[in-house]
Each structure stands twice: as C-alpha cells, then as structure tokens.
Protein backbone atom coordinates (compact mmCIF):
# COMPACT_ATOMS: atom_id res chain seq x y z
CA UNK A 1 0.00 0.00 0.00
CA UNK A 2 2.80 2.38 0.81
CA UNK A 3 4.41 1.94 -2.59
CA UNK A 4 1.06 2.64 -4.28
CA UNK A 5 0.73 5.92 -2.37
CA UNK A 6 4.29 6.87 -3.32
CA UNK A 7 3.62 6.14 -7.00
CA UNK A 8 0.46 8.28 -6.99
CA UNK A 9 2.24 11.15 -5.23
CA UNK A 10 5.20 10.81 -7.57
CA UNK A 11 2.99 10.97 -10.64
CA UNK A 12 1.26 14.08 -9.31
CA UNK A 13 4.61 15.71 -8.62
CA UNK A 14 5.93 14.78 -12.09
CA UNK A 15 2.83 16.18 -13.78
CA UNK A 16 3.09 19.43 -11.85
CA UNK A 17 6.82 19.71 -12.61
CA UNK A 18 6.55 19.01 -16.34
CA UNK A 19 3.45 21.04 -17.12
CA UNK A 20 3.91 23.84 -14.60
CA UNK A 21 0.16 23.96 -14.09
CA UNK A 22 -1.80 22.29 -11.36
CA UNK A 23 -5.29 22.69 -9.99
CA UNK A 24 -5.85 21.12 -6.64
CA UNK A 25 -9.56 21.53 -6.15
CA UNK A 26 -9.48 20.55 -2.48
CA UNK A 27 -7.20 23.37 -1.34
CA UNK A 28 -7.47 25.88 -4.17
CA UNK A 29 -9.90 28.20 -2.38
CA UNK A 30 -10.44 28.92 1.33
CA UNK A 31 -13.95 27.46 1.52
CA UNK A 32 -12.92 24.34 -0.39
CA UNK A 33 -10.00 23.85 1.99
CA UNK A 34 -12.38 24.14 4.95
CA UNK A 35 -14.73 21.52 3.45
CA UNK A 36 -11.79 19.22 2.74
CA UNK A 37 -10.51 19.58 6.31
CA UNK A 38 -13.95 18.73 7.67
CA UNK A 39 -14.13 15.75 5.31
CA UNK A 40 -10.75 14.44 6.49
CA UNK A 41 -11.75 14.81 10.13
CA UNK A 42 -15.05 13.01 9.50
CA UNK A 43 -13.24 10.15 7.73
CA UNK A 44 -10.80 9.79 10.63
CA UNK A 45 -13.69 9.65 13.09
CA UNK A 46 -15.46 7.05 10.93
CA UNK A 47 -12.36 4.88 10.66
CA UNK A 48 -11.65 5.10 14.38
CA UNK A 49 -15.24 4.38 15.39
CA UNK A 50 -15.59 1.52 12.90
CA UNK A 51 -12.38 -0.09 14.10
CA UNK A 52 -13.26 0.42 17.76
CA UNK A 53 -16.73 -1.07 17.34
CA UNK A 54 -15.55 -3.87 15.09
CA UNK A 55 -12.41 -4.97 16.86
CA UNK A 56 -12.92 -3.67 20.38
CA UNK A 57 -16.58 -4.51 20.92
CA UNK A 58 -16.99 -7.21 18.26
CA UNK A 59 -19.90 -5.44 16.54
CA UNK A 60 -20.52 -7.23 13.25
CA UNK A 61 -20.39 -5.13 10.08
CA UNK A 62 -19.18 -2.03 11.94
CA UNK A 63 -16.15 -1.53 9.69
CA UNK A 64 -18.19 -2.19 6.54
CA UNK A 65 -20.84 0.26 7.74
CA UNK A 66 -18.21 2.91 8.43
CA UNK A 67 -16.79 2.32 4.96
CA UNK A 68 -20.21 2.69 3.40
CA UNK A 69 -20.81 5.97 5.24
CA UNK A 70 -17.34 7.17 4.20
CA UNK A 71 -18.15 6.36 0.58
CA UNK A 72 -21.39 8.33 0.68
CA UNK A 73 -19.58 11.17 2.43
CA UNK A 74 -16.91 11.16 -0.29
CA UNK A 75 -19.50 11.55 -3.05
CA UNK A 76 -21.42 14.26 -1.21
CA UNK A 77 -18.32 16.24 -0.26
CA UNK A 78 -16.86 15.87 -3.75
CA UNK A 79 -19.93 17.51 -5.25
CA UNK A 80 -19.93 20.16 -2.52
CA UNK A 81 -16.25 21.01 -3.04
CA UNK A 82 -16.74 21.23 -6.81
CA UNK A 83 -19.67 23.61 -6.41
CA UNK A 84 -17.72 25.71 -3.90
CA UNK A 85 -14.66 25.96 -6.14
CA UNK A 86 -16.78 26.94 -9.15
CA UNK A 87 -18.57 29.60 -7.11
CA UNK A 88 -15.37 31.04 -5.68
CA UNK A 89 -13.54 31.04 -9.01
CA UNK A 90 -16.44 32.89 -10.63
CA UNK A 91 -16.30 35.41 -7.79
CA UNK A 92 -12.58 35.93 -8.45
CA UNK A 93 -11.17 34.54 -5.20
C-alpha cells in the first residue's frame, strides 16, 4: 500500500513539474480547503469508530458500515467542493 501511495504522489509531482500547471480543487480556495478539512476529520472519526466497534466490541459489520458511510460522504463532499470551487472562481477569489 505504501508503494502505491508513493507512486500516486510521484505521478502528481511529475505532472506538476513538467506542465507547470496544477489545480488542486481541495485546497485551491479557502472554503474548499475548509470543506476538505472537515471531510478528512469526519473520515478519521469514521475509521476510528468503525475499528473500535468492530475490533474492540466485536460489533458485526461495523467496519463495513463505516466504509459505506465514508463512501457516501466522499460523493457528497466531492460535489460540494466542486460547487464551492466553481462559485469562488467565478467570484474571483
């Protein structure tokens, strides 16, 4: 898993270095960065609670349920961040 993350980060770095242009929608505007920070915090809470319930208290399907909620949250926040970035770029921020 670690090598996969390194490859993805390396490809992003290489693209930014060769083209000179990058658009990181998650941190490109202040409101989008706030949404992304809230999303990351929510995902950490979901992972921690799913693991605690699943492994600590032996609740069946707790980790799968947390993953399902994280997937829905990813879709919702992705749309929200896109709308926020479009709005802020139109406003000239």
